[in-house]
């Protein structure tokens, strides 16, 4: 129940040609407290509830618990979420032994494209694709919970 991931911006849309999967996601937060977030997600035809703890000092890892719930339950819970529903398309790209999840945001966060890779340890080595840009791991502005409160369009 520990998530270890690194986050990056992208330098191009080349990942779209390499993607083996594409999924629409809508998500909201029942709680965006800095110590914990509670997220409701519609991912394709599935619903999920996820609880995440506070990130460690490096921003690489934190507690994560997720459970699949029915699509109807997720839709109902999404109505209870705080203001700021996140909408995005997720592309999955296999690179070496890892799968990168690249989120292209829409709505209030349009223009933001972010790639994540989950790791087994904080010092795990992985192949970086050519379209991987600046690392933003640990920068809380890029957490989805924060994007729901302070959308990317407001940054400029």
C-alpha atoms as a PDB file:
ATOM      1  CA  UNK A   1       0.000   0.000   0.000  1.00  0.00           C
ATOM      2  CA  UNK A   2       2.890   2.284  -0.829  1.00  0.00           C
ATOM      3  CA  UNK A   3       3.055   4.267  -4.045  1.00  0.00           C
ATOM      4  CA  UNK A   4       6.471   5.189  -5.420  1.00  0.00           C
ATOM      5  CA  UNK A   5       6.341   7.324  -8.543  1.00  0.00           C
ATOM      6  CA  UNK A   6       8.152  10.020 -10.433  1.00  0.00           C
ATOM      7  CA  UNK A   7       6.394  12.752 -12.409  1.00  0.00           C
ATOM      8  CA  UNK A   8       7.588  14.615 -15.479  1.00  0.00           C
ATOM      9  CA  UNK A   9       6.327  17.142 -17.968  1.00  0.00           C
ATOM     10  CA  UNK A  10       6.480  16.120 -21.619  1.00  0.00           C
ATOM     11  CA  UNK A  11       8.334  17.799 -24.479  1.00  0.00           C
ATOM     12  CA  UNK A  12       6.134  16.594 -27.355  1.00  0.00           C
ATOM     13  CA  UNK A  13       3.086  14.503 -28.236  1.00  0.00           C
ATOM     14  CA  UNK A  14       5.250  11.656 -29.588  1.00  0.00           C
ATOM     15  CA  UNK A  15       3.942   9.434 -26.770  1.00  0.00           C
ATOM     16  CA  UNK A  16       0.552   9.295 -28.498  1.00  0.00           C
ATOM     17  CA  UNK A  17       2.009   7.225 -31.358  1.00  0.00           C
ATOM     18  CA  UNK A  18       3.589   4.828 -28.844  1.00  0.00           C
ATOM     19  CA  UNK A  19       0.523   4.436 -26.616  1.00  0.00           C
ATOM     20  CA  UNK A  20      -1.031   0.970 -26.367  1.00  0.00           C
ATOM     21  CA  UNK A  21      -3.999   2.176 -24.308  1.00  0.00           C
ATOM     22  CA  UNK A  22      -6.039   5.371 -24.003  1.00  0.00           C
ATOM     23  CA  UNK A  23      -8.663   6.005 -21.309  1.00  0.00           C
ATOM     24  CA  UNK A  24     -10.883   8.952 -20.322  1.00  0.00           C
ATOM     25  CA  UNK A  25     -10.778   9.841 -16.633  1.00  0.00           C
ATOM     26  CA  UNK A  26     -12.907  12.148 -14.496  1.00  0.00           C
ATOM     27  CA  UNK A  27     -12.036  12.523 -10.845  1.00  0.00           C
ATOM     28  CA  UNK A  28     -12.873  14.615  -7.844  1.00  0.00           C
ATOM     29  CA  UNK A  29     -11.798  14.858  -4.245  1.00  0.00           C
ATOM     30  CA  UNK A  30     -13.911  14.339  -1.150  1.00  0.00           C
ATOM     31  CA  UNK A  31     -10.950  15.626   0.874  1.00  0.00           C
ATOM     32  CA  UNK A  32      -7.853  17.611  -0.174  1.00  0.00           C
ATOM     33  CA  UNK A  33      -6.245  17.994   3.268  1.00  0.00           C
ATOM     34  CA  UNK A  34      -2.414  18.151   3.047  1.00  0.00           C
ATOM     35  CA  UNK A  35      -2.107  15.073   5.298  1.00  0.00           C
ATOM     36  CA  UNK A  36      -4.481  12.939   3.190  1.00  0.00           C
ATOM     37  CA  UNK A  37      -6.637  13.023   0.087  1.00  0.00           C
ATOM     38  CA  UNK A  38      -9.724  10.988  -0.719  1.00  0.00           C
ATOM     39  CA  UNK A  39     -10.303  10.697  -4.454  1.00  0.00           C
ATOM     40  CA  UNK A  40     -13.249   9.400  -6.473  1.00  0.00           C
ATOM     41  CA  UNK A  41     -12.399   8.385 -10.033  1.00  0.00           C
ATOM     42  CA  UNK A  42     -14.345   7.337 -13.116  1.00  0.00           C
ATOM     43  CA  UNK A  43     -11.878   5.539 -15.353  1.00  0.00           C
ATOM     44  CA  UNK A  44     -13.490   4.229 -18.504  1.00  0.00           C
ATOM     45  CA  UNK A  45     -16.369   2.036 -17.286  1.00  0.00           C
ATOM     46  CA  UNK A  46     -14.960   1.571 -13.774  1.00  0.00           C
ATOM     47  CA  UNK A  47     -15.222   3.484 -10.514  1.00  0.00           C
ATOM     48  CA  UNK A  48     -12.576   3.799  -7.780  1.00  0.00           C
ATOM     49  CA  UNK A  49     -12.111   5.323  -4.356  1.00  0.00           C
ATOM     50  CA  UNK A  50      -8.537   6.102  -3.367  1.00  0.00           C
ATOM     51  CA  UNK A  51      -6.972   7.380  -0.160  1.00  0.00           C
ATOM     52  CA  UNK A  52      -3.480   8.849  -0.324  1.00  0.00           C
ATOM     53  CA  UNK A  53      -1.303   9.944   2.561  1.00  0.00           C
ATOM     54  CA  UNK A  54       1.220  12.746   2.736  1.00  0.00           C
ATOM     55  CA  UNK A  55       4.295  12.323   0.516  1.00  0.00           C
ATOM     56  CA  UNK A  56       7.666  11.691   2.077  1.00  0.00           C
ATOM     57  CA  UNK A  57      10.330  14.439   2.054  1.00  0.00           C
ATOM     58  CA  UNK A  58      11.530  13.640  -1.490  1.00  0.00           C
ATOM     59  CA  UNK A  59       7.969  13.527  -2.832  1.00  0.00           C
ATOM     60  CA  UNK A  60       8.645  10.072  -4.309  1.00  0.00           C
ATOM     61  CA  UNK A  61       6.500   7.877  -2.100  1.00  0.00           C
ATOM     62  CA  UNK A  62       3.379   7.897   0.016  1.00  0.00           C
ATOM     63  CA  UNK A  63       0.671   5.651   1.377  1.00  0.00           C
ATOM     64  CA  UNK A  64      -1.982   4.735  -1.191  1.00  0.00           C
ATOM     65  CA  UNK A  65      -5.080   2.571  -0.789  1.00  0.00           C
ATOM     66  CA  UNK A  66      -7.470   2.026  -3.675  1.00  0.00           C
ATOM     67  CA  UNK A  67     -10.642   0.000  -4.070  1.00  0.00           C
ATOM     68  CA  UNK A  68     -12.779  -0.526  -7.136  1.00  0.00           C
ATOM     69  CA  UNK A  69     -16.409   0.489  -6.631  1.00  0.00           C
ATOM     70  CA  UNK A  70     -19.361   0.344  -8.987  1.00  0.00           C
ATOM     71  CA  UNK A  71     -19.647   2.964 -11.696  1.00  0.00           C
ATOM     72  CA  UNK A  72     -22.963   4.145 -10.202  1.00  0.00           C
ATOM     73  CA  UNK A  73     -21.411   4.525  -6.743  1.00  0.00           C
ATOM     74  CA  UNK A  74     -18.535   6.515  -8.217  1.00  0.00           C
ATOM     75  CA  UNK A  75     -20.918   8.798 -10.138  1.00  0.00           C
ATOM     76  CA  UNK A  76     -22.955   9.453  -6.988  1.00  0.00           C
ATOM     77  CA  UNK A  77     -19.842  10.114  -4.886  1.00  0.00           C
ATOM     78  CA  UNK A  78     -18.441  12.434  -7.551  1.00  0.00           C
ATOM     79  CA  UNK A  79     -21.458  14.678  -6.922  1.00  0.00           C
ATOM     80  CA  UNK A  80     -20.292  15.082  -3.294  1.00  0.00           C
ATOM     81  CA  UNK A  81     -16.743  16.078  -4.217  1.00  0.00           C
ATOM     82  CA  UNK A  82     -15.165  19.443  -3.580  1.00  0.00           C
ATOM     83  CA  UNK A  83     -15.231  21.988  -6.413  1.00  0.00           C
ATOM     84  CA  UNK A  84     -12.804  21.332  -9.251  1.00  0.00           C
ATOM     85  CA  UNK A  85     -13.404  18.058 -11.121  1.00  0.00           C
ATOM     86  CA  UNK A  86     -10.323  16.922 -13.061  1.00  0.00           C
ATOM     87  CA  UNK A  87     -10.844  15.669 -16.614  1.00  0.00           C
ATOM     88  CA  UNK A  88      -8.079  14.024 -18.608  1.00  0.00           C
ATOM     89  CA  UNK A  89      -7.159  11.405 -21.141  1.00  0.00           C
ATOM     90  CA  UNK A  90      -4.586   8.872 -19.939  1.00  0.00           C
ATOM     91  CA  UNK A  91      -2.214   7.256 -22.405  1.00  0.00           C
ATOM     92  CA  UNK A  92      -0.217   4.186 -21.403  1.00  0.00           C
ATOM     93  CA  UNK A  93       3.177   3.621 -23.006  1.00  0.00           C
ATOM     94  CA  UNK A  94       5.521   0.691 -22.356  1.00  0.00           C
ATOM     95  CA  UNK A  95       9.167   1.762 -22.125  1.00  0.00           C
ATOM     96  CA  UNK A  96      11.630  -0.939 -21.134  1.00  0.00           C
ATOM     97  CA  UNK A  97      10.283  -2.720 -18.042  1.00  0.00           C
ATOM     98  CA  UNK A  98       7.948   0.132 -17.076  1.00  0.00           C
ATOM     99  CA  UNK A  99       4.635   1.588 -18.127  1.00  0.00           C
ATOM    100  CA  UNK A 100       4.424   5.360 -18.313  1.00  0.00           C
ATOM    101  CA  UNK A 101       1.010   6.900 -17.727  1.00  0.00           C
ATOM    102  CA  UNK A 102       0.726  10.195 -19.555  1.00  0.00           C
ATOM    103  CA  UNK A 103      -2.182  12.438 -18.617  1.00  0.00           C
ATOM    104  CA  UNK A 104      -3.391  15.069 -21.070  1.00  0.00           C
ATOM    105  CA  UNK A 105      -5.590  17.400 -19.048  1.00  0.00           C
ATOM    106  CA  UNK A 106      -8.744  19.112 -20.274  1.00  0.00           C
ATOM    107  CA  UNK A 107     -11.064  21.795 -18.963  1.00  0.00           C
ATOM    108  CA  UNK A 108      -9.505  24.080 -16.355  1.00  0.00           C
ATOM    109  CA  UNK A 109      -6.147  22.262 -16.679  1.00  0.00           C
ATOM    110  CA  UNK A 110      -5.973  22.226 -20.479  1.00  0.00           C
ATOM    111  CA  UNK A 111      -2.424  22.597 -21.753  1.00  0.00           C
ATOM    112  CA  UNK A 112      -0.882  20.474 -19.000  1.00  0.00           C
ATOM    113  CA  UNK A 113       0.525  17.107 -20.040  1.00  0.00           C
ATOM    114  CA  UNK A 114       2.249  15.057 -17.356  1.00  0.00           C
ATOM    115  CA  UNK A 115       3.905  11.619 -17.376  1.00  0.00           C
ATOM    116  CA  UNK A 116       4.227   9.326 -14.356  1.00  0.00           C
ATOM    117  CA  UNK A 117       6.151   6.125 -13.856  1.00  0.00           C
ATOM    118  CA  UNK A 118       5.578   3.834 -10.863  1.00  0.00           C
ATOM    119  CA  UNK A 119       8.657   2.237  -9.362  1.00  0.00           C
ATOM    120  CA  UNK A 120       9.429  -0.584  -6.931  1.00  0.00           C
ATOM    121  CA  UNK A 121      11.998   1.487  -5.028  1.00  0.00           C
ATOM    122  CA  UNK A 122      12.968   5.149  -4.873  1.00  0.00           C
ATOM    123  CA  UNK A 123      16.353   4.485  -6.487  1.00  0.00           C
ATOM    124  CA  UNK A 124      15.099   2.155  -9.242  1.00  0.00           C
ATOM    125  CA  UNK A 125      16.661   2.839 -12.634  1.00  0.00           C
ATOM    126  CA  UNK A 126      14.339   3.190 -15.631  1.00  0.00           C
ATOM    127  CA  UNK A 127      14.631   4.098 -19.301  1.00  0.00           C
ATOM    128  CA  UNK A 128      13.633   7.676 -20.054  1.00  0.00           C
ATOM    129  CA  UNK A 129      11.825   8.111 -23.379  1.00  0.00           C
ATOM    130  CA  UNK A 130      12.814  11.019 -25.641  1.00  0.00           C
ATOM    131  CA  UNK A 131       9.554  12.894 -24.964  1.00  0.00           C
ATOM    132  CA  UNK A 132      10.149  13.005 -21.195  1.00  0.00           C
ATOM    133  CA  UNK A 133      10.857  16.551 -20.017  1.00  0.00           C
ATOM    134  CA  UNK A 134      11.409  18.358 -16.734  1.00  0.00           C
ATOM    135  CA  UNK A 135      10.896  16.331 -13.560  1.00  0.00           C
ATOM    136  CA  UNK A 136       8.207  17.720 -11.252  1.00  0.00           C
ATOM    137  CA  UNK A 137       8.201  14.960  -8.611  1.00  0.00           C
ATOM    138  CA  UNK A 138       7.476  16.472  -5.207  1.00  0.00           C
ATOM    139  CA  UNK A 139       6.169  19.778  -6.617  1.00  0.00           C
ATOM    140  CA  UNK A 140       2.725  19.810  -5.003  1.00  0.00           C
ATOM    141  CA  UNK A 141       1.313  22.156  -7.680  1.00  0.00           C
ATOM    142  CA  UNK A 142       1.266  19.113  -9.974  1.00  0.00           C
ATOM    143  CA  UNK A 143      -0.682  16.865  -7.593  1.00  0.00           C
ATOM    144  CA  UNK A 144      -4.162  16.278  -9.013  1.00  0.00           C
ATOM    145  CA  UNK A 145      -5.673  17.302  -5.677  1.00  0.00           C
ATOM    146  CA  UNK A 146      -3.951  20.687  -5.996  1.00  0.00           C
ATOM    147  CA  UNK A 147      -4.855  21.030  -9.681  1.00  0.00           C
ATOM    148  CA  UNK A 148      -8.487  20.727  -8.621  1.00  0.00           C
ATOM    149  CA  UNK A 149      -8.017  23.705  -6.259  1.00  0.00           C
ATOM    150  CA  UNK A 150      -5.626  25.811  -8.373  1.00  0.00           C
ATOM    151  CA  UNK A 151      -6.042  24.825 -12.028  1.00  0.00           C
ATOM    152  CA  UNK A 152      -3.185  25.092 -14.516  1.00  0.00           C
ATOM    153  CA  UNK A 153      -4.965  27.898 -16.426  1.00  0.00           C
ATOM    154  CA  UNK A 154      -4.532  30.149 -13.360  1.00  0.00           C
ATOM    155  CA  UNK A 155      -0.745  29.700 -13.208  1.00  0.00           C
ATOM    156  CA  UNK A 156       0.087  32.108 -16.010  1.00  0.00           C
END
